[in-house]
Amino acid sequence: SGHWLYSFLRFDPRIRQRFLAVVNLNPSATLKDVRVILDEEALAFLDLASIDPTTSLVLTDRLAAREPLTATFLLREASDSGIRIEDIPPLTPLYLEFNAESPGTLA
């Protein structure tokens, strides 16, 4: 997809919220099987570097009006094969919040 896909991370250390924003800027094509890889620097920025790599995380789209997109992955997968997002429709932003499947894991 090259120049059509834009993504960035947000982290508020005070309230411990983490977000991955991903946008498909293509006016007509759905981006399929998108993978966002979080390298060591990204994991450190999100304060996830010291978390067990087998921790299961969930991303939930906070912009969705109806059925929010969710993606579940192991932290290790985020840095290996990447976080997989099946389809991003044309001109669509996703604002994905990181949550742990086990409460308290991301405190």
PDB file of N, CA and C in Angstrom:
ATOM      1  N   SER A   1       0.819  -1.196   0.000  1.00  0.00           N
ATOM      2  CA  SER A   1       0.000   0.000   0.000  1.00  0.00           C
ATOM      3  C   SER A   1       0.859   1.255   0.000  1.00  0.00           C
ATOM      4  N   GLY A   2       2.078   1.171   0.479  1.00  0.00           N
ATOM      5  CA  GLY A   2       3.016   2.285   0.434  1.00  0.00           C
ATOM      6  C   GLY A   2       2.485   3.568   1.034  1.00  0.00           C
ATOM      7  N   HIS A   3       2.261   4.560   0.218  1.00  0.00           N
ATOM      8  CA  HIS A   3       1.879   5.883   0.703  1.00  0.00           C
ATOM      9  C   HIS A   3       0.401   6.011   1.099  1.00  0.00           C
ATOM     10  N   TRP A   4      -0.381   4.966   0.966  1.00  0.00           N
ATOM     11  CA  TRP A   4      -1.796   5.041   1.317  1.00  0.00           C
ATOM     12  C   TRP A   4      -2.074   4.722   2.785  1.00  0.00           C
ATOM     13  N   LEU A   5      -1.130   4.086   3.453  1.00  0.00           N
ATOM     14  CA  LEU A   5      -1.338   3.666   4.844  1.00  0.00           C
ATOM     15  C   LEU A   5      -0.510   4.546   5.769  1.00  0.00           C
ATOM     16  N   TYR A   6      -1.156   5.072   6.802  1.00  0.00           N
ATOM     17  CA  TYR A   6      -0.479   5.913   7.780  1.00  0.00           C
ATOM     18  C   TYR A   6      -0.822   5.362   9.153  1.00  0.00           C
ATOM     19  N   SER A   7       0.178   5.258  10.035  1.00  0.00           N
ATOM     20  CA  SER A   7      -0.098   4.782  11.389  1.00  0.00           C
ATOM     21  C   SER A   7       0.831   5.484  12.379  1.00  0.00           C
ATOM     22  N   PHE A   8       0.350   5.590  13.604  1.00  0.00           N
ATOM     23  CA  PHE A   8       1.165   6.146  14.671  1.00  0.00           C
ATOM     24  C   PHE A   8       0.650   5.638  16.017  1.00  0.00           C
ATOM     25  N   LEU A   9       1.475   5.806  17.045  1.00  0.00           N
ATOM     26  CA  LEU A   9       1.147   5.356  18.395  1.00  0.00           C
ATOM     27  C   LEU A   9       0.929   6.550  19.312  1.00  0.00           C
ATOM     28  N   ARG A  10       0.052   6.366  20.292  1.00  0.00           N
ATOM     29  CA  ARG A  10      -0.168   7.361  21.342  1.00  0.00           C
ATOM     30  C   ARG A  10      -0.110   6.632  22.673  1.00  0.00           C
ATOM     31  N   PHE A  11       0.510   7.275  23.672  1.00  0.00           N
ATOM     32  CA  PHE A  11       0.566   6.687  25.009  1.00  0.00           C
ATOM     33  C   PHE A  11       0.514   7.808  26.030  1.00  0.00           C
ATOM     34  N   ASP A  12      -0.416   7.700  26.957  1.00  0.00           N
ATOM     35  CA  ASP A  12      -0.506   8.646  28.060  1.00  0.00           C
ATOM     36  C   ASP A  12      -0.050   7.919  29.317  1.00  0.00           C
ATOM     37  N   PRO A  13       1.190   8.182  29.775  1.00  0.00           N
ATOM     38  CA  PRO A  13       1.709   7.440  30.928  1.00  0.00           C
ATOM     39  C   PRO A  13       0.955   7.721  32.221  1.00  0.00           C
ATOM     40  N   ARG A  14       0.307   8.886  32.322  1.00  0.00           N
ATOM     41  CA  ARG A  14      -0.423   9.224  33.538  1.00  0.00           C
ATOM     42  C   ARG A  14      -1.636   8.315  33.730  1.00  0.00           C
ATOM     43  N   ILE A  15      -2.413   8.128  32.661  1.00  0.00           N
ATOM     44  CA  ILE A  15      -3.616   7.290  32.788  1.00  0.00           C
ATOM     45  C   ILE A  15      -3.453   5.918  32.150  1.00  0.00           C
ATOM     46  N   ARG A  16      -2.257   5.662  31.605  1.00  0.00           N
ATOM     47  CA  ARG A  16      -1.877   4.341  31.076  1.00  0.00           C
ATOM     48  C   ARG A  16      -2.689   3.922  29.860  1.00  0.00           C
ATOM     49  N   GLN A  17      -3.182   4.847  29.066  1.00  0.00           N
ATOM     50  CA  GLN A  17      -3.902   4.510  27.840  1.00  0.00           C
ATOM     51  C   GLN A  17      -2.935   4.444  26.674  1.00  0.00           C
ATOM     52  N   ARG A  18      -3.121   3.410  25.853  1.00  0.00           N
ATOM     53  CA  ARG A  18      -2.289   3.185  24.664  1.00  0.00           C
ATOM     54  C   ARG A  18      -3.185   3.052  23.451  1.00  0.00           C
ATOM     55  N   PHE A  19      -2.792   3.726  22.353  1.00  0.00           N
ATOM     56  CA  PHE A  19      -3.574   3.666  21.126  1.00  0.00           C
ATOM     57  C   PHE A  19      -2.670   3.450  19.925  1.00  0.00           C
ATOM     58  N   LEU A  20      -3.193   2.741  18.947  1.00  0.00           N
ATOM     59  CA  LEU A  20      -2.591   2.609  17.632  1.00  0.00           C
ATOM     60  C   LEU A  20      -3.589   3.216  16.654  1.00  0.00           C
ATOM     61  N   ALA A  21      -3.177   4.277  15.979  1.00  0.00           N
ATOM     62  CA  ALA A  21      -4.021   4.885  14.954  1.00  0.00           C
ATOM     63  C   ALA A  21      -3.530   4.391  13.600  1.00  0.00           C
ATOM     64  N   VAL A  22      -4.462   3.917  12.778  1.00  0.00           N
ATOM     65  CA  VAL A  22      -4.147   3.415  11.439  1.00  0.00           C
ATOM     66  C   VAL A  22      -5.174   4.019  10.484  1.00  0.00           C
ATOM     67  N   VAL A  23      -4.706   4.582   9.363  1.00  0.00           N
ATOM     68  CA  VAL A  23      -5.606   5.236   8.420  1.00  0.00           C
ATOM     69  C   VAL A  23      -5.320   4.739   7.005  1.00  0.00           C
ATOM     70  N   ASN A  24      -6.387   4.374   6.294  1.00  0.00           N
ATOM     71  CA  ASN A  24      -6.293   4.065   4.871  1.00  0.00           C
ATOM     72  C   ASN A  24      -6.647   5.348   4.124  1.00  0.00           C
ATOM     73  N   LEU A  25      -5.663   5.960   3.480  1.00  0.00           N
ATOM     74  CA  LEU A  25      -5.867   7.209   2.760  1.00  0.00           C
ATOM     75  C   LEU A  25      -6.242   6.999   1.293  1.00  0.00           C
ATOM     76  N   ASN A  26      -6.333   5.736   0.863  1.00  0.00           N
ATOM     77  CA  ASN A  26      -6.691   5.453  -0.522  1.00  0.00           C
ATOM     78  C   ASN A  26      -8.168   5.795  -0.733  1.00  0.00           C
ATOM     79  N   PRO A  27      -8.497   6.566  -1.774  1.00  0.00           N
ATOM     80  CA  PRO A  27      -9.888   6.977  -1.980  1.00  0.00           C
ATOM     81  C   PRO A  27     -10.804   5.883  -2.519  1.00  0.00           C
ATOM     82  N   SER A  28     -10.234   4.766  -3.004  1.00  0.00           N
ATOM     83  CA  SER A  28     -11.113   3.764  -3.609  1.00  0.00           C
ATOM     84  C   SER A  28     -10.810   2.319  -3.230  1.00  0.00           C
ATOM     85  N   ALA A  29      -9.623   2.008  -2.736  1.00  0.00           N
ATOM     86  CA  ALA A  29      -9.249   0.608  -2.484  1.00  0.00           C
ATOM     87  C   ALA A  29      -9.258   0.271  -0.999  1.00  0.00           C
ATOM     88  N   THR A  30      -9.830  -0.893  -0.691  1.00  0.00           N
ATOM     89  CA  THR A  30      -9.746  -1.446   0.657  1.00  0.00           C
ATOM     90  C   THR A  30      -8.364  -2.062   0.826  1.00  0.00           C
ATOM     91  N   LEU A  31      -7.692  -1.750   1.928  1.00  0.00           N
ATOM     92  CA  LEU A  31      -6.399  -2.377   2.211  1.00  0.00           C
ATOM     93  C   LEU A  31      -6.667  -3.689   2.930  1.00  0.00           C
ATOM     94  N   LYS A  32      -6.116  -4.775   2.396  1.00  0.00           N
ATOM     95  CA  LYS A  32      -6.379  -6.114   2.925  1.00  0.00           C
ATOM     96  C   LYS A  32      -5.153  -6.669   3.641  1.00  0.00           C
ATOM     97  N   ASP A  33      -5.405  -7.417   4.712  1.00  0.00           N
ATOM     98  CA  ASP A  33      -4.361  -8.102   5.473  1.00  0.00           C
ATOM     99  C   ASP A  33      -3.211  -7.159   5.844  1.00  0.00           C
ATOM    100  N   VAL A  34      -3.570  -6.047   6.449  1.00  0.00           N
ATOM    101  CA  VAL A  34      -2.574  -5.077   6.914  1.00  0.00           C
ATOM    102  C   VAL A  34      -1.886  -5.635   8.154  1.00  0.00           C
ATOM    103  N   ARG A  35      -0.579  -5.457   8.215  1.00  0.00           N
ATOM    104  CA  ARG A  35       0.181  -5.871   9.391  1.00  0.00           C
ATOM    105  C   ARG A  35       1.001  -4.690   9.888  1.00  0.00           C
ATOM    106  N   VAL A  36       0.829  -4.378  11.167  1.00  0.00           N
ATOM    107  CA  VAL A  36       1.579  -3.304  11.805  1.00  0.00           C
ATOM    108  C   VAL A  36       2.542  -3.955  12.782  1.00  0.00           C
ATOM    109  N   ILE A  37       3.831  -3.791  12.527  1.00  0.00           N
ATOM    110  CA  ILE A  37       4.859  -4.390  13.376  1.00  0.00           C
ATOM    111  C   ILE A  37       5.319  -3.364  14.403  1.00  0.00           C
ATOM    112  N   LEU A  38       5.302  -3.771  15.670  1.00  0.00           N
ATOM    113  CA  LEU A  38       5.800  -2.926  16.745  1.00  0.00           C
ATOM    114  C   LEU A  38       7.212  -3.385  17.094  1.00  0.00           C
ATOM    115  N   ASP A  39       8.214  -2.593  16.725  1.00  0.00           N
ATOM    116  CA  ASP A  39       9.593  -2.953  17.026  1.00  0.00           C
ATOM    117  C   ASP A  39       9.900  -2.661  18.502  1.00  0.00           C
ATOM    118  N   GLU A  40      11.133  -2.935  18.914  1.00  0.00           N
ATOM    119  CA  GLU A  40      11.520  -2.755  20.316  1.00  0.00           C
ATOM    120  C   GLU A  40      11.323  -1.317  20.778  1.00  0.00           C
ATOM    121  N   GLU A  41      11.629  -0.370  19.905  1.00  0.00           N
ATOM    122  CA  GLU A  41      11.470   1.039  20.256  1.00  0.00           C
ATOM    123  C   GLU A  41       9.997   1.387  20.500  1.00  0.00           C
ATOM    124  N   ALA A  42       9.109   0.855  19.671  1.00  0.00           N
ATOM    125  CA  ALA A  42       7.672   1.094  19.841  1.00  0.00           C
ATOM    126  C   ALA A  42       7.166   0.467  21.131  1.00  0.00           C
ATOM    127  N   LEU A  43       7.602  -0.762  21.427  1.00  0.00           N
ATOM    128  CA  LEU A  43       7.190  -1.419  22.670  1.00  0.00           C
ATOM    129  C   LEU A  43       7.691  -0.654  23.887  1.00  0.00           C
ATOM    130  N   ALA A  44       8.905  -0.110  23.800  1.00  0.00           N
ATOM    131  CA  ALA A  44       9.444   0.693  24.903  1.00  0.00           C
ATOM    132  C   ALA A  44       8.622   1.974  25.066  1.00  0.00           C
ATOM    133  N   PHE A  45       8.284   2.632  23.949  1.00  0.00           N
ATOM    134  CA  PHE A  45       7.474   3.854  23.993  1.00  0.00           C
ATOM    135  C   PHE A  45       6.132   3.585  24.681  1.00  0.00           C
ATOM    136  N   LEU A  46       5.518   2.443  24.370  1.00  0.00           N
ATOM    137  CA  LEU A  46       4.232   2.075  24.953  1.00  0.00           C
ATOM    138  C   LEU A  46       4.356   1.501  26.362  1.00  0.00           C
ATOM    139  N   ASP A  47       5.591   1.409  26.860  1.00  0.00           N
ATOM    140  CA  ASP A  47       5.884   0.820  28.173  1.00  0.00           C
ATOM    141  C   ASP A  47       5.384  -0.624  28.239  1.00  0.00           C
ATOM    142  N   LEU A  48       5.624  -1.367  27.142  1.00  0.00           N
ATOM    143  CA  LEU A  48       5.244  -2.777  27.074  1.00  0.00           C
ATOM    144  C   LEU A  48       6.457  -3.700  26.987  1.00  0.00           C
ATOM    145  N   ALA A  49       7.655  -3.138  26.958  1.00  0.00           N
ATOM    146  CA  ALA A  49       8.860  -3.944  26.764  1.00  0.00           C
ATOM    147  C   ALA A  49       9.085  -4.950  27.886  1.00  0.00           C
ATOM    148  N   SER A  50       8.632  -4.633  29.093  1.00  0.00           N
ATOM    149  CA  SER A  50       8.872  -5.538  30.228  1.00  0.00           C
ATOM    150  C   SER A  50       7.719  -6.509  30.461  1.00  0.00           C
ATOM    151  N   ILE A  51       6.673  -6.431  29.657  1.00  0.00           N
ATOM    152  CA  ILE A  51       5.519  -7.330  29.784  1.00  0.00           C
ATOM    153  C   ILE A  51       5.876  -8.695  29.195  1.00  0.00           C
ATOM    154  N   ASP A  52       5.351  -9.745  29.794  1.00  0.00           N
ATOM    155  CA  ASP A  52       5.548 -11.110  29.287  1.00  0.00           C
ATOM    156  C   ASP A  52       5.122 -11.173  27.815  1.00  0.00           C
ATOM    157  N   PRO A  53       6.003 -11.635  26.910  1.00  0.00           N
ATOM    158  CA  PRO A  53       5.666 -11.668  25.477  1.00  0.00           C
ATOM    159  C   PRO A  53       4.502 -12.593  25.122  1.00  0.00           C
ATOM    160  N   THR A  54       4.102 -13.467  26.044  1.00  0.00           N
ATOM    161  CA  THR A  54       2.954 -14.342  25.783  1.00  0.00           C
ATOM    162  C   THR A  54       1.643 -13.717  26.274  1.00  0.00           C
ATOM    163  N   THR A  55       1.689 -12.463  26.720  1.00  0.00           N
ATOM    164  CA  THR A  55       0.480 -11.759  27.144  1.00  0.00           C
ATOM    165  C   THR A  55      -0.426 -11.543  25.937  1.00  0.00           C
ATOM    166  N   SER A  56      -1.694 -11.838  26.118  1.00  0.00           N
ATOM    167  CA  SER A  56      -2.672 -11.660  25.056  1.00  0.00           C
ATOM    168  C   SER A  56      -3.285 -10.269  25.179  1.00  0.00           C
ATOM    169  N   LEU A  57      -3.212  -9.512  24.084  1.00  0.00           N
ATOM    170  CA  LEU A  57      -3.739  -8.153  24.060  1.00  0.00           C
ATOM    171  C   LEU A  57      -4.888  -8.053  23.070  1.00  0.00           C
ATOM    172  N   VAL A  58      -5.753  -7.088  23.313  1.00  0.00           N
ATOM    173  CA  VAL A  58      -6.904  -6.836  22.444  1.00  0.00           C
ATOM    174  C   VAL A  58      -6.856  -5.378  22.015  1.00  0.00           C
ATOM    175  N   LEU A  59      -7.042  -5.126  20.728  1.00  0.00           N
ATOM    176  CA  LEU A  59      -7.198  -3.777  20.210  1.00  0.00           C
ATOM    177  C   LEU A  59      -8.677  -3.586  19.887  1.00  0.00           C
ATOM    178  N   THR A  60      -9.243  -2.475  20.333  1.00  0.00           N
ATOM    179  CA  THR A  60     -10.646  -2.174  20.065  1.00  0.00           C
ATOM    180  C   THR A  60     -10.738  -0.790  19.437  1.00  0.00           C
ATOM    181  N   ASP A  61     -11.446  -0.699  18.319  1.00  0.00           N
ATOM    182  CA  ASP A  61     -11.593   0.574  17.623  1.00  0.00           C
ATOM    183  C   ASP A  61     -12.548   1.477  18.398  1.00  0.00           C
ATOM    184  N   ARG A  62     -12.047   2.619  18.835  1.00  0.00           N
ATOM    185  CA  ARG A  62     -12.849   3.561  19.621  1.00  0.00           C
ATOM    186  C   ARG A  62     -13.600   4.578  18.766  1.00  0.00           C
ATOM    187  N   LEU A  63     -13.397   4.555  17.437  1.00  0.00           N
ATOM    188  CA  LEU A  63     -14.130   5.460  16.542  1.00  0.00           C
ATOM    189  C   LEU A  63     -15.383   4.817  15.964  1.00  0.00           C
ATOM    190  N   ALA A  64     -15.501   3.510  16.099  1.00  0.00           N
ATOM    191  CA  ALA A  64     -16.614   2.787  15.477  1.00  0.00           C
ATOM    192  C   ALA A  64     -17.946   3.188  16.104  1.00  0.00           C
ATOM    193  N   ALA A  65     -18.915   3.497  15.276  1.00  0.00           N
ATOM    194  CA  ALA A  65     -20.240   3.860  15.753  1.00  0.00           C
ATOM    195  C   ALA A  65     -21.059   2.624  16.120  1.00  0.00           C
ATOM    196  N   ARG A  66     -20.824   1.529  15.393  1.00  0.00           N
ATOM    197  CA  ARG A  66     -21.604   0.305  15.638  1.00  0.00           C
ATOM    198  C   ARG A  66     -20.685  -0.821  16.063  1.00  0.00           C
ATOM    199  N   GLU A  67     -20.521  -1.806  15.219  1.00  0.00           N
ATOM    200  CA  GLU A  67     -19.690  -2.964  15.522  1.00  0.00           C
ATOM    201  C   GLU A  67     -18.211  -2.573  15.475  1.00  0.00           C
ATOM    202  N   PRO A  68     -17.563  -2.381  16.624  1.00  0.00           N
ATOM    203  CA  PRO A  68     -16.157  -1.981  16.578  1.00  0.00           C
ATOM    204  C   PRO A  68     -15.256  -3.132  16.138  1.00  0.00           C
ATOM    205  N   LEU A  69     -14.263  -2.782  15.336  1.00  0.00           N
ATOM    206  CA  LEU A  69     -13.249  -3.757  14.954  1.00  0.00           C
ATOM    207  C   LEU A  69     -12.449  -4.122  16.196  1.00  0.00           C
ATOM    208  N   THR A  70     -12.183  -5.401  16.382  1.00  0.00           N
ATOM    209  CA  THR A  70     -11.298  -5.842  17.447  1.00  0.00           C
ATOM    210  C   THR A  70     -10.259  -6.782  16.854  1.00  0.00           C
ATOM    211  N   ALA A  71      -9.073  -6.754  17.424  1.00  0.00           N
ATOM    212  CA  ALA A  71      -7.999  -7.662  17.015  1.00  0.00           C
ATOM    213  C   ALA A  71      -7.340  -8.178  18.281  1.00  0.00           C
ATOM    214  N   THR A  72      -7.184  -9.484  18.379  1.00  0.00           N
ATOM    215  CA  THR A  72      -6.530 -10.103  19.521  1.00  0.00           C
ATOM    216  C   THR A  72      -5.219 -10.703  19.056  1.00  0.00           C
ATOM    217  N   PHE A  73      -4.155 -10.502  19.832  1.00  0.00           N
ATOM    218  CA  PHE A  73      -2.833 -10.980  19.446  1.00  0.00           C
ATOM    219  C   PHE A  73      -1.969 -11.141  20.689  1.00  0.00           C
ATOM    220  N   LEU A  74      -0.916 -11.948  20.549  1.00  0.00           N
ATOM    221  CA  LEU A  74       0.083 -12.054  21.603  1.00  0.00           C
ATOM    222  C   LEU A  74       1.085 -10.934  21.427  1.00  0.00           C
ATOM    223  N   LEU A  75       1.585 -10.398  22.517  1.00  0.00           N
ATOM    224  CA  LEU A  75       2.552  -9.312  22.439  1.00  0.00           C
ATOM    225  C   LEU A  75       3.739  -9.707  21.567  1.00  0.00           C
ATOM    226  N   ARG A  76       4.169 -10.949  21.651  1.00  0.00           N
ATOM    227  CA  ARG A  76       5.281 -11.442  20.832  1.00  0.00           C
ATOM    228  C   ARG A  76       4.960 -11.319  19.341  1.00  0.00           C
ATOM    229  N   GLU A  77       3.716 -11.582  18.953  1.00  0.00           N
ATOM    230  CA  GLU A  77       3.311 -11.480  17.548  1.00  0.00           C
ATOM    231  C   GLU A  77       3.419 -10.047  17.030  1.00  0.00           C
ATOM    232  N   ALA A  78       3.178  -9.073  17.902  1.00  0.00           N
ATOM    233  CA  ALA A  78       3.235  -7.672  17.481  1.00  0.00           C
ATOM    234  C   ALA A  78       4.617  -7.295  16.974  1.00  0.00           C
ATOM    235  N   SER A  79       5.650  -7.887  17.551  1.00  0.00           N
ATOM    236  CA  SER A  79       7.011  -7.563  17.109  1.00  0.00           C
ATOM    237  C   SER A  79       7.553  -8.561  16.092  1.00  0.00           C
ATOM    238  N   ASP A  80       6.944  -9.731  15.975  1.00  0.00           N
ATOM    239  CA  ASP A  80       7.400 -10.732  15.003  1.00  0.00           C
ATOM    240  C   ASP A  80       6.676 -10.564  13.662  1.00  0.00           C
ATOM    241  N   SER A  81       5.457 -11.061  13.591  1.00  0.00           N
ATOM    242  CA  SER A  81       4.694 -11.025  12.337  1.00  0.00           C
ATOM    243  C   SER A  81       3.796  -9.800  12.229  1.00  0.00           C
ATOM    244  N   GLY A  82       3.618  -9.069  13.311  1.00  0.00           N
ATOM    245  CA  GLY A  82       2.816  -7.852  13.297  1.00  0.00           C
ATOM    246  C   GLY A  82       1.379  -8.072  13.730  1.00  0.00           C
ATOM    247  N   ILE A  83       0.736  -6.981  14.069  1.00  0.00           N
ATOM    248  CA  ILE A  83      -0.677  -6.989  14.425  1.00  0.00           C
ATOM    249  C   ILE A  83      -1.458  -7.016  13.113  1.00  0.00           C
ATOM    250  N   ARG A  84      -2.300  -8.020  12.960  1.00  0.00           N
ATOM    251  CA  ARG A  84      -3.033  -8.195  11.699  1.00  0.00           C
ATOM    252  C   ARG A  84      -4.390  -7.512  11.770  1.00  0.00           C
ATOM    253  N   ILE A  85      -4.641  -6.664  10.773  1.00  0.00           N
ATOM    254  CA  ILE A  85      -5.942  -6.034  10.606  1.00  0.00           C
ATOM    255  C   ILE A  85      -6.445  -6.480   9.243  1.00  0.00           C
ATOM    256  N   GLU A  86      -7.548  -7.228   9.219  1.00  0.00           N
ATOM    257  CA  GLU A  86      -8.031  -7.848   7.972  1.00  0.00           C
ATOM    258  C   GLU A  86      -8.279  -6.855   6.859  1.00  0.00           C
ATOM    259  N   ASP A  87      -9.186  -5.937   7.062  1.00  0.00           N
ATOM    260  CA  ASP A  87      -9.566  -4.997   6.004  1.00  0.00           C
ATOM    261  C   ASP A  87      -9.702  -3.597   6.583  1.00  0.00           C
ATOM    262  N   ILE A  88      -9.194  -2.614   5.841  1.00  0.00           N
ATOM    263  CA  ILE A  88      -9.434  -1.211   6.175  1.00  0.00           C
ATOM    264  C   ILE A  88     -10.051  -0.566   4.939  1.00  0.00           C
ATOM    265  N   PRO A  89     -11.340  -0.229   5.011  1.00  0.00           N
ATOM    266  CA  PRO A  89     -12.018   0.357   3.853  1.00  0.00           C
ATOM    267  C   PRO A  89     -11.373   1.677   3.417  1.00  0.00           C
ATOM    268  N   PRO A  90     -11.683   2.125   2.205  1.00  0.00           N
ATOM    269  CA  PRO A  90     -11.136   3.393   1.714  1.00  0.00           C
ATOM    270  C   PRO A  90     -11.454   4.564   2.648  1.00  0.00           C
ATOM    271  N   LEU A  91     -10.480   5.463   2.781  1.00  0.00           N
ATOM    272  CA  LEU A  91     -10.636   6.691   3.563  1.00  0.00           C
ATOM    273  C   LEU A  91     -11.177   6.435   4.967  1.00  0.00           C
ATOM    274  N   THR A  92     -10.636   5.410   5.619  1.00  0.00           N
ATOM    275  CA  THR A  92     -11.116   5.009   6.942  1.00  0.00           C
ATOM    276  C   THR A  92     -10.013   5.105   7.990  1.00  0.00           C
ATOM    277  N   PRO A  93     -10.291   5.803   9.097  1.00  0.00           N
ATOM    278  CA  PRO A  93      -9.359   5.802  10.226  1.00  0.00           C
ATOM    279  C   PRO A  93      -9.790   4.765  11.258  1.00  0.00           C
ATOM    280  N   LEU A  94      -8.821   4.149  11.905  1.00  0.00           N
ATOM    281  CA  LEU A  94      -9.066   3.267  13.049  1.00  0.00           C
ATOM    282  C   LEU A  94      -8.282   3.847  14.224  1.00  0.00           C
ATOM    283  N   TYR A  95      -8.916   3.958  15.365  1.00  0.00           N
ATOM    284  CA  TYR A  95      -8.251   4.443  16.572  1.00  0.00           C
ATOM    285  C   TYR A  95      -8.359   3.316  17.588  1.00  0.00           C
ATOM    286  N   LEU A  96      -7.342   2.467  17.601  1.00  0.00           N
ATOM    287  CA  LEU A  96      -7.377   1.190  18.312  1.00  0.00           C
ATOM    288  C   LEU A  96      -6.742   1.305  19.691  1.00  0.00           C
ATOM    289  N   GLU A  97      -7.532   1.004  20.713  1.00  0.00           N
ATOM    290  CA  GLU A  97      -7.038   1.060  22.090  1.00  0.00           C
ATOM    291  C   GLU A  97      -6.525  -0.308  22.510  1.00  0.00           C
ATOM    292  N   PHE A  98      -5.341  -0.320  23.130  1.00  0.00           N
ATOM    293  CA  PHE A  98      -4.761  -1.547  23.662  1.00  0.00           C
ATOM    294  C   PHE A  98      -5.409  -1.872  24.999  1.00  0.00           C
ATOM    295  N   ASN A  99      -5.829  -3.137  25.147  1.00  0.00           N
ATOM    296  CA  ASN A  99      -6.330  -3.652  26.425  1.00  0.00           C
ATOM    297  C   ASN A  99      -5.787  -5.064  26.580  1.00  0.00           C
ATOM    298  N   ALA A 100      -5.642  -5.482  27.819  1.00  0.00           N
ATOM    299  CA  ALA A 100      -5.207  -6.854  28.094  1.00  0.00           C
ATOM    300  C   ALA A 100      -6.415  -7.742  28.282  1.00  0.00           C
ATOM    301  N   GLU A 101      -6.295  -9.004  27.887  1.00  0.00           N
ATOM    302  CA  GLU A 101      -7.392  -9.937  28.129  1.00  0.00           C
ATOM    303  C   GLU A 101      -7.535 -10.211  29.624  1.00  0.00           C
ATOM    304  N   SER A 102      -6.403 -10.151  30.363  1.00  0.00           N
ATOM    305  CA  SER A 102      -6.439 -10.325  31.812  1.00  0.00           C
ATOM    306  C   SER A 102      -6.355  -8.954  32.464  1.00  0.00           C
ATOM    307  N   PRO A 103      -7.355  -8.531  33.219  1.00  0.00           N
ATOM    308  CA  PRO A 103      -7.320  -7.204  33.846  1.00  0.00           C
ATOM    309  C   PRO A 103      -6.072  -7.025  34.707  1.00  0.00           C
ATOM    310  N   GLY A 104      -5.516  -5.827  34.670  1.00  0.00           N
ATOM    311  CA  GLY A 104      -4.340  -5.506  35.465  1.00  0.00           C
ATOM    312  C   GLY A 104      -3.014  -5.776  34.778  1.00  0.00           C
ATOM    313  N   THR A 105      -3.019  -6.472  33.636  1.00  0.00           N
ATOM    314  CA  THR A 105      -1.782  -6.817  32.958  1.00  0.00           C
ATOM    315  C   THR A 105      -1.062  -5.602  32.411  1.00  0.00           C
ATOM    316  N   LEU A 106      -1.802  -4.580  31.989  1.00  0.00           N
ATOM    317  CA  LEU A 106      -1.186  -3.395  31.388  1.00  0.00           C
ATOM    318  C   LEU A 106      -1.098  -2.232  32.359  1.00  0.00           C
ATOM    319  N   ALA A 107      -1.263  -2.455  33.625  1.00  0.00           N
ATOM    320  CA  ALA A 107      -1.213  -1.353  34.604  1.00  0.00           C
ATOM    321  C   ALA A 107       0.134  -0.674  34.632  1.00  0.00           C
TER     322      ALA A 107
END
